[in-house]
Amino acid sequence: MTDRELQHIITKARDAKHGGFGVLSTGEKLAAALVLNRPDWLGEMNYTLAEAIERVGPQWLALIPEAARVLEYEDEHVAGKA
């Protein structure tokens, strides 16, 4: 697990949050859906939660909670400035 991998997941999840999936790979889409707690996105891709977890793999899966916290902090920080 590296900082670079964490930043990659955060960037892809942020992109998905603000504009959809675009040109993300399947693994990136699944990771973004997990980070953003979007089971509807998993369903649209015909993945169950268990399948998504298996597909992203243990290295990325370990980074998902931290990525979610970072994005949640960003949202709270922006909301506090509004």
PDB file of N, CA and C in Angstrom:
ATOM      1  N   MET A   1       0.841  -1.182   0.000  1.00  0.00           N
ATOM      2  CA  MET A   1       0.000   0.000   0.000  1.00  0.00           C
ATOM      3  C   MET A   1       0.885   1.243   0.000  1.00  0.00           C
ATOM      4  N   THR A   2       0.613   2.101  -0.910  1.00  0.00           N
ATOM      5  CA  THR A   2       1.413   3.305  -0.983  1.00  0.00           C
ATOM      6  C   THR A   2       0.516   4.532  -0.985  1.00  0.00           C
ATOM      7  N   ASP A   3       1.137   5.635  -0.665  1.00  0.00           N
ATOM      8  CA  ASP A   3       0.442   6.923  -0.740  1.00  0.00           C
ATOM      9  C   ASP A   3      -0.038   7.179  -2.162  1.00  0.00           C
ATOM     10  N   ARG A   4       0.771   6.746  -3.115  1.00  0.00           N
ATOM     11  CA  ARG A   4       0.420   6.953  -4.521  1.00  0.00           C
ATOM     12  C   ARG A   4      -0.863   6.195  -4.878  1.00  0.00           C
ATOM     13  N   GLU A   5      -0.986   4.959  -4.402  1.00  0.00           N
ATOM     14  CA  GLU A   5      -2.199   4.184  -4.660  1.00  0.00           C
ATOM     15  C   GLU A   5      -3.414   4.824  -3.993  1.00  0.00           C
ATOM     16  N   LEU A   6      -3.237   5.308  -2.769  1.00  0.00           N
ATOM     17  CA  LEU A   6      -4.319   5.980  -2.065  1.00  0.00           C
ATOM     18  C   LEU A   6      -4.759   7.212  -2.843  1.00  0.00           C
ATOM     19  N   GLN A   7      -3.828   8.017  -3.284  1.00  0.00           N
ATOM     20  CA  GLN A   7      -4.164   9.219  -4.047  1.00  0.00           C
ATOM     21  C   GLN A   7      -4.860   8.864  -5.359  1.00  0.00           C
ATOM     22  N   HIS A   8      -4.435   7.775  -5.978  1.00  0.00           N
ATOM     23  CA  HIS A   8      -5.062   7.325  -7.220  1.00  0.00           C
ATOM     24  C   HIS A   8      -6.534   7.007  -6.972  1.00  0.00           C
ATOM     25  N   ILE A   9      -6.815   6.253  -5.931  1.00  0.00           N
ATOM     26  CA  ILE A   9      -8.193   5.885  -5.609  1.00  0.00           C
ATOM     27  C   ILE A   9      -9.015   7.123  -5.257  1.00  0.00           C
ATOM     28  N   ILE A  10      -8.441   8.025  -4.477  1.00  0.00           N
ATOM     29  CA  ILE A  10      -9.147   9.258  -4.112  1.00  0.00           C
ATOM     30  C   ILE A  10      -9.482  10.073  -5.360  1.00  0.00           C
ATOM     31  N   THR A  11      -8.525  10.212  -6.252  1.00  0.00           N
ATOM     32  CA  THR A  11      -8.740  10.989  -7.478  1.00  0.00           C
ATOM     33  C   THR A  11      -9.836  10.374  -8.334  1.00  0.00           C
ATOM     34  N   LYS A  12      -9.789   9.063  -8.502  1.00  0.00           N
ATOM     35  CA  LYS A  12     -10.794   8.391  -9.325  1.00  0.00           C
ATOM     36  C   LYS A  12     -12.179   8.482  -8.687  1.00  0.00           C
ATOM     37  N   ALA A  13     -12.262   8.322  -7.367  1.00  0.00           N
ATOM     38  CA  ALA A  13     -13.547   8.432  -6.677  1.00  0.00           C
ATOM     39  C   ALA A  13     -14.073   9.864  -6.760  1.00  0.00           C
ATOM     40  N   ARG A  14     -13.194  10.845  -6.607  1.00  0.00           N
ATOM     41  CA  ARG A  14     -13.601  12.247  -6.716  1.00  0.00           C
ATOM     42  C   ARG A  14     -14.128  12.539  -8.124  1.00  0.00           C
ATOM     43  N   ASP A  15     -13.418  12.047  -9.135  1.00  0.00           N
ATOM     44  CA  ASP A  15     -13.864  12.239 -10.517  1.00  0.00           C
ATOM     45  C   ASP A  15     -15.240  11.618 -10.734  1.00  0.00           C
ATOM     46  N   ALA A  16     -15.419  10.402 -10.227  1.00  0.00           N
ATOM     47  CA  ALA A  16     -16.706   9.715 -10.388  1.00  0.00           C
ATOM     48  C   ALA A  16     -17.814  10.472  -9.673  1.00  0.00           C
ATOM     49  N   LYS A  17     -17.506  10.994  -8.510  1.00  0.00           N
ATOM     50  CA  LYS A  17     -18.490  11.728  -7.722  1.00  0.00           C
ATOM     51  C   LYS A  17     -18.968  12.984  -8.441  1.00  0.00           C
ATOM     52  N   HIS A  18     -18.043  13.644  -9.137  1.00  0.00           N
ATOM     53  CA  HIS A  18     -18.370  14.925  -9.761  1.00  0.00           C
ATOM     54  C   HIS A  18     -18.763  14.831 -11.225  1.00  0.00           C
ATOM     55  N   GLY A  19     -18.587  13.652 -11.824  1.00  0.00           N
ATOM     56  CA  GLY A  19     -18.933  13.599 -13.239  1.00  0.00           C
ATOM     57  C   GLY A  19     -19.215  12.221 -13.773  1.00  0.00           C
ATOM     58  N   GLY A  20     -19.393  11.292 -12.913  1.00  0.00           N
ATOM     59  CA  GLY A  20     -19.645   9.938 -13.383  1.00  0.00           C
ATOM     60  C   GLY A  20     -18.362   9.201 -13.667  1.00  0.00           C
ATOM     61  N   PHE A  21     -18.520   8.077 -14.302  1.00  0.00           N
ATOM     62  CA  PHE A  21     -17.383   7.176 -14.472  1.00  0.00           C
ATOM     63  C   PHE A  21     -16.415   7.575 -15.578  1.00  0.00           C
ATOM     64  N   GLY A  22     -16.880   8.215 -16.608  1.00  0.00           N
ATOM     65  CA  GLY A  22     -15.979   8.595 -17.690  1.00  0.00           C
ATOM     66  C   GLY A  22     -15.199   7.425 -18.225  1.00  0.00           C
ATOM     67  N   VAL A  23     -13.889   7.548 -18.215  1.00  0.00           N
ATOM     68  CA  VAL A  23     -13.027   6.529 -18.799  1.00  0.00           C
ATOM     69  C   VAL A  23     -12.322   5.683 -17.733  1.00  0.00           C
ATOM     70  N   LEU A  24     -12.946   5.506 -16.596  1.00  0.00           N
ATOM     71  CA  LEU A  24     -12.342   4.699 -15.547  1.00  0.00           C
ATOM     72  C   LEU A  24     -12.369   3.230 -15.928  1.00  0.00           C
ATOM     73  N   SER A  25     -11.365   2.497 -15.484  1.00  0.00           N
ATOM     74  CA  SER A  25     -11.358   1.054 -15.679  1.00  0.00           C
ATOM     75  C   SER A  25     -12.438   0.431 -14.795  1.00  0.00           C
ATOM     76  N   THR A  26     -12.750  -0.822 -15.031  1.00  0.00           N
ATOM     77  CA  THR A  26     -13.749  -1.498 -14.210  1.00  0.00           C
ATOM     78  C   THR A  26     -13.331  -1.509 -12.748  1.00  0.00           C
ATOM     79  N   GLY A  27     -12.065  -1.813 -12.479  1.00  0.00           N
ATOM     80  CA  GLY A  27     -11.580  -1.813 -11.095  1.00  0.00           C
ATOM     81  C   GLY A  27     -11.695  -0.450 -10.448  1.00  0.00           C
ATOM     82  N   GLU A  28     -11.384   0.599 -11.194  1.00  0.00           N
ATOM     83  CA  GLU A  28     -11.498   1.963 -10.672  1.00  0.00           C
ATOM     84  C   GLU A  28     -12.954   2.333 -10.410  1.00  0.00           C
ATOM     85  N   LYS A  29     -13.851   1.923 -11.295  1.00  0.00           N
ATOM     86  CA  LYS A  29     -15.281   2.181 -11.092  1.00  0.00           C
ATOM     87  C   LYS A  29     -15.781   1.494  -9.832  1.00  0.00           C
ATOM     88  N   LEU A  30     -15.391   0.242  -9.665  1.00  0.00           N
ATOM     89  CA  LEU A  30     -15.822  -0.509  -8.489  1.00  0.00           C
ATOM     90  C   LEU A  30     -15.257   0.109  -7.215  1.00  0.00           C
ATOM     91  N   ALA A  31     -13.985   0.497  -7.243  1.00  0.00           N
ATOM     92  CA  ALA A  31     -13.374   1.132  -6.078  1.00  0.00           C
ATOM     93  C   ALA A  31     -14.087   2.444  -5.759  1.00  0.00           C
ATOM     94  N   ALA A  32     -14.395   3.229  -6.779  1.00  0.00           N
ATOM     95  CA  ALA A  32     -15.104   4.490  -6.562  1.00  0.00           C
ATOM     96  C   ALA A  32     -16.475   4.246  -5.947  1.00  0.00           C
ATOM     97  N   ALA A  33     -17.181   3.247  -6.443  1.00  0.00           N
ATOM     98  CA  ALA A  33     -18.500   2.923  -5.895  1.00  0.00           C
ATOM     99  C   ALA A  33     -18.390   2.519  -4.430  1.00  0.00           C
ATOM    100  N   LEU A  34     -17.353   1.775  -4.084  1.00  0.00           N
ATOM    101  CA  LEU A  34     -17.157   1.369  -2.689  1.00  0.00           C
ATOM    102  C   LEU A  34     -16.771   2.566  -1.823  1.00  0.00           C
ATOM    103  N   VAL A  35     -15.871   3.394  -2.305  1.00  0.00           N
ATOM    104  CA  VAL A  35     -15.445   4.582  -1.551  1.00  0.00           C
ATOM    105  C   VAL A  35     -16.631   5.497  -1.286  1.00  0.00           C
ATOM    106  N   LEU A  36     -17.473   5.679  -2.284  1.00  0.00           N
ATOM    107  CA  LEU A  36     -18.579   6.627  -2.197  1.00  0.00           C
ATOM    108  C   LEU A  36     -19.859   5.992  -1.665  1.00  0.00           C
ATOM    109  N   ASN A  37     -19.765   4.720  -1.280  1.00  0.00           N
ATOM    110  CA  ASN A  37     -20.923   4.004  -0.738  1.00  0.00           C
ATOM    111  C   ASN A  37     -22.099   4.073  -1.706  1.00  0.00           C
ATOM    112  N   ARG A  38     -21.844   3.661  -2.939  1.00  0.00           N
ATOM    113  CA  ARG A  38     -22.858   3.707  -3.994  1.00  0.00           C
ATOM    114  C   ARG A  38     -23.191   2.299  -4.492  1.00  0.00           C
ATOM    115  N   PRO A  39     -23.970   1.550  -3.711  1.00  0.00           N
ATOM    116  CA  PRO A  39     -24.348   0.213  -4.162  1.00  0.00           C
ATOM    117  C   PRO A  39     -25.162   0.233  -5.456  1.00  0.00           C
ATOM    118  N   ASP A  40     -25.840   1.354  -5.727  1.00  0.00           N
ATOM    119  CA  ASP A  40     -26.583   1.467  -6.979  1.00  0.00           C
ATOM    120  C   ASP A  40     -25.643   1.400  -8.178  1.00  0.00           C
ATOM    121  N   TRP A  41     -24.446   1.977  -8.047  1.00  0.00           N
ATOM    122  CA  TRP A  41     -23.466   1.899  -9.126  1.00  0.00           C
ATOM    123  C   TRP A  41     -23.001   0.462  -9.324  1.00  0.00           C
ATOM    124  N   LEU A  42     -22.810  -0.259  -8.223  1.00  0.00           N
ATOM    125  CA  LEU A  42     -22.419  -1.662  -8.336  1.00  0.00           C
ATOM    126  C   LEU A  42     -23.488  -2.436  -9.088  1.00  0.00           C
ATOM    127  N   GLY A  43     -24.753  -2.195  -8.743  1.00  0.00           N
ATOM    128  CA  GLY A  43     -25.852  -2.868  -9.417  1.00  0.00           C
ATOM    129  C   GLY A  43     -25.910  -2.549 -10.899  1.00  0.00           C
ATOM    130  N   GLU A  44     -25.664  -1.292 -11.250  1.00  0.00           N
ATOM    131  CA  GLU A  44     -25.667  -0.887 -12.654  1.00  0.00           C
ATOM    132  C   GLU A  44     -24.568  -1.599 -13.440  1.00  0.00           C
ATOM    133  N   MET A  45     -23.499  -1.967 -12.755  1.00  0.00           N
ATOM    134  CA  MET A  45     -22.403  -2.692 -13.406  1.00  0.00           C
ATOM    135  C   MET A  45     -22.575  -4.206 -13.283  1.00  0.00           C
ATOM    136  N   ASN A  46     -23.706  -4.622 -12.715  1.00  0.00           N
ATOM    137  CA  ASN A  46     -23.996  -6.042 -12.500  1.00  0.00           C
ATOM    138  C   ASN A  46     -22.978  -6.731 -11.604  1.00  0.00           C
ATOM    139  N   TYR A  47     -22.541  -6.021 -10.569  1.00  0.00           N
ATOM    140  CA  TYR A  47     -21.641  -6.576  -9.560  1.00  0.00           C
ATOM    141  C   TYR A  47     -22.348  -6.584  -8.222  1.00  0.00           C
ATOM    142  N   THR A  48     -22.171  -7.657  -7.482  1.00  0.00           N
ATOM    143  CA  THR A  48     -22.608  -7.671  -6.089  1.00  0.00           C
ATOM    144  C   THR A  48     -21.507  -7.037  -5.257  1.00  0.00           C
ATOM    145  N   LEU A  49     -21.812  -6.746  -4.013  1.00  0.00           N
ATOM    146  CA  LEU A  49     -20.795  -6.207  -3.117  1.00  0.00           C
ATOM    147  C   LEU A  49     -19.629  -7.184  -2.996  1.00  0.00           C
ATOM    148  N   ALA A  50     -19.938  -8.450  -2.830  1.00  0.00           N
ATOM    149  CA  ALA A  50     -18.881  -9.458  -2.701  1.00  0.00           C
ATOM    150  C   ALA A  50     -18.018  -9.535  -3.955  1.00  0.00           C
ATOM    151  N   GLU A  51     -18.634  -9.466  -5.124  1.00  0.00           N
ATOM    152  CA  GLU A  51     -17.870  -9.500  -6.373  1.00  0.00           C
ATOM    153  C   GLU A  51     -16.986  -8.266  -6.518  1.00  0.00           C
ATOM    154  N   ALA A  52     -17.511  -7.110  -6.112  1.00  0.00           N
ATOM    155  CA  ALA A  52     -16.730  -5.874  -6.193  1.00  0.00           C
ATOM    156  C   ALA A  52     -15.518  -5.943  -5.275  1.00  0.00           C
ATOM    157  N   ILE A  53     -15.725  -6.446  -4.078  1.00  0.00           N
ATOM    158  CA  ILE A  53     -14.623  -6.580  -3.129  1.00  0.00           C
ATOM    159  C   ILE A  53     -13.550  -7.505  -3.692  1.00  0.00           C
ATOM    160  N   GLU A  54     -13.986  -8.610  -4.257  1.00  0.00           N
ATOM    161  CA  GLU A  54     -13.028  -9.548  -4.847  1.00  0.00           C
ATOM    162  C   GLU A  54     -12.281  -8.912  -6.012  1.00  0.00           C
ATOM    163  N   ARG A  55     -12.997  -8.168  -6.840  1.00  0.00           N
ATOM    164  CA  ARG A  55     -12.399  -7.576  -8.046  1.00  0.00           C
ATOM    165  C   ARG A  55     -11.358  -6.502  -7.711  1.00  0.00           C
ATOM    166  N   VAL A  56     -11.647  -5.649  -6.724  1.00  0.00           N
ATOM    167  CA  VAL A  56     -10.682  -4.583  -6.415  1.00  0.00           C
ATOM    168  C   VAL A  56      -9.434  -5.138  -5.734  1.00  0.00           C
ATOM    169  N   GLY A  57      -9.569  -6.266  -5.080  1.00  0.00           N
ATOM    170  CA  GLY A  57      -8.406  -6.911  -4.473  1.00  0.00           C
ATOM    171  C   GLY A  57      -8.054  -6.356  -3.104  1.00  0.00           C
ATOM    172  N   PRO A  58      -7.258  -7.115  -2.360  1.00  0.00           N
ATOM    173  CA  PRO A  58      -6.962  -6.752  -0.969  1.00  0.00           C
ATOM    174  C   PRO A  58      -6.166  -5.459  -0.804  1.00  0.00           C
ATOM    175  N   GLN A  59      -5.290  -5.136  -1.745  1.00  0.00           N
ATOM    176  CA  GLN A  59      -4.491  -3.913  -1.596  1.00  0.00           C
ATOM    177  C   GLN A  59      -5.362  -2.674  -1.695  1.00  0.00           C
ATOM    178  N   TRP A  60      -6.192  -2.605  -2.717  1.00  0.00           N
ATOM    179  CA  TRP A  60      -7.069  -1.445  -2.858  1.00  0.00           C
ATOM    180  C   TRP A  60      -8.149  -1.453  -1.798  1.00  0.00           C
ATOM    181  N   LEU A  61      -8.668  -2.615  -1.475  1.00  0.00           N
ATOM    182  CA  LEU A  61      -9.715  -2.710  -0.468  1.00  0.00           C
ATOM    183  C   LEU A  61      -9.250  -2.120   0.861  1.00  0.00           C
ATOM    184  N   ALA A  62      -8.002  -2.343   1.205  1.00  0.00           N
ATOM    185  CA  ALA A  62      -7.450  -1.802   2.452  1.00  0.00           C
ATOM    186  C   ALA A  62      -7.391  -0.273   2.432  1.00  0.00           C
ATOM    187  N   LEU A  63      -7.354   0.325   1.253  1.00  0.00           N
ATOM    188  CA  LEU A  63      -7.263   1.786   1.128  1.00  0.00           C
ATOM    189  C   LEU A  63      -8.624   2.477   1.073  1.00  0.00           C
ATOM    190  N   ILE A  64      -9.670   1.728   0.813  1.00  0.00           N
ATOM    191  CA  ILE A  64     -10.993   2.322   0.615  1.00  0.00           C
ATOM    192  C   ILE A  64     -11.493   3.097   1.836  1.00  0.00           C
ATOM    193  N   PRO A  65     -11.374   2.569   3.062  1.00  0.00           N
ATOM    194  CA  PRO A  65     -11.853   3.375   4.205  1.00  0.00           C
ATOM    195  C   PRO A  65     -11.145   4.724   4.336  1.00  0.00           C
ATOM    196  N   GLU A  66      -9.838   4.752   4.136  1.00  0.00           N
ATOM    197  CA  GLU A  66      -9.103   6.021   4.230  1.00  0.00           C
ATOM    198  C   GLU A  66      -9.522   6.970   3.112  1.00  0.00           C
ATOM    199  N   ALA A  67      -9.689   6.453   1.905  1.00  0.00           N
ATOM    200  CA  ALA A  67     -10.139   7.294   0.787  1.00  0.00           C
ATOM    201  C   ALA A  67     -11.515   7.883   1.082  1.00  0.00           C
ATOM    202  N   ALA A  68     -12.397   7.080   1.645  1.00  0.00           N
ATOM    203  CA  ALA A  68     -13.738   7.567   1.996  1.00  0.00           C
ATOM    204  C   ALA A  68     -13.650   8.678   3.045  1.00  0.00           C
ATOM    205  N   ARG A  69     -12.778   8.511   4.036  1.00  0.00           N
ATOM    206  CA  ARG A  69     -12.616   9.544   5.069  1.00  0.00           C
ATOM    207  C   ARG A  69     -12.094  10.848   4.468  1.00  0.00           C
ATOM    208  N   VAL A  70     -11.145  10.746   3.559  1.00  0.00           N
ATOM    209  CA  VAL A  70     -10.591  11.950   2.932  1.00  0.00           C
ATOM    210  C   VAL A  70     -11.687  12.699   2.171  1.00  0.00           C
ATOM    211  N   LEU A  71     -12.475  11.976   1.381  1.00  0.00           N
ATOM    212  CA  LEU A  71     -13.529  12.632   0.609  1.00  0.00           C
ATOM    213  C   LEU A  71     -14.620  13.187   1.514  1.00  0.00           C
ATOM    214  N   GLU A  72     -14.933  12.480   2.590  1.00  0.00           N
ATOM    215  CA  GLU A  72     -15.926  12.982   3.541  1.00  0.00           C
ATOM    216  C   GLU A  72     -15.423  14.270   4.200  1.00  0.00           C
ATOM    217  N   TYR A  73     -14.145  14.307   4.559  1.00  0.00           N
ATOM    218  CA  TYR A  73     -13.552  15.504   5.146  1.00  0.00           C
ATOM    219  C   TYR A  73     -13.632  16.671   4.154  1.00  0.00           C
ATOM    220  N   GLU A  74     -13.316  16.397   2.891  1.00  0.00           N
ATOM    221  CA  GLU A  74     -13.400  17.455   1.877  1.00  0.00           C
ATOM    222  C   GLU A  74     -14.816  18.019   1.799  1.00  0.00           C
ATOM    223  N   ASP A  75     -15.808  17.125   1.799  1.00  0.00           N
ATOM    224  CA  ASP A  75     -17.204  17.571   1.728  1.00  0.00           C
ATOM    225  C   ASP A  75     -17.571  18.440   2.931  1.00  0.00           C
ATOM    226  N   GLU A  76     -17.155  18.009   4.112  1.00  0.00           N
ATOM    227  CA  GLU A  76     -17.456  18.770   5.329  1.00  0.00           C
ATOM    228  C   GLU A  76     -16.738  20.119   5.312  1.00  0.00           C
ATOM    229  N   HIS A  77     -15.509  20.129   4.822  1.00  0.00           N
ATOM    230  CA  HIS A  77     -14.723  21.355   4.765  1.00  0.00           C
ATOM    231  C   HIS A  77     -15.367  22.363   3.799  1.00  0.00           C
ATOM    232  N   VAL A  78     -15.820  21.875   2.660  1.00  0.00           N
ATOM    233  CA  VAL A  78     -16.474  22.743   1.671  1.00  0.00           C
ATOM    234  C   VAL A  78     -17.807  23.248   2.226  1.00  0.00           C
ATOM    235  N   ALA A  79     -18.566  22.367   2.874  1.00  0.00           N
ATOM    236  CA  ALA A  79     -19.864  22.750   3.441  1.00  0.00           C
ATOM    237  C   ALA A  79     -19.676  23.812   4.539  1.00  0.00           C
ATOM    238  N   GLY A  80     -18.596  23.720   5.270  1.00  0.00           N
ATOM    239  CA  GLY A  80     -18.316  24.688   6.326  1.00  0.00           C
ATOM    240  C   GLY A  80     -17.995  26.065   5.795  1.00  0.00           C
ATOM    241  N   LYS A  81     -17.494  26.140   4.556  1.00  0.00           N
ATOM    242  CA  LYS A  81     -17.160  27.424   3.948  1.00  0.00           C
ATOM    243  C   LYS A  81     -18.348  28.054   3.242  1.00  0.00           C
ATOM    244  N   ALA A  82     -19.400  27.267   2.999  1.00  0.00           N
ATOM    245  CA  ALA A  82     -20.560  27.783   2.255  1.00  0.00           C
ATOM    246  C   ALA A  82     -21.435  28.652   3.098  1.00  0.00           C
TER     247      ALA A  82
END
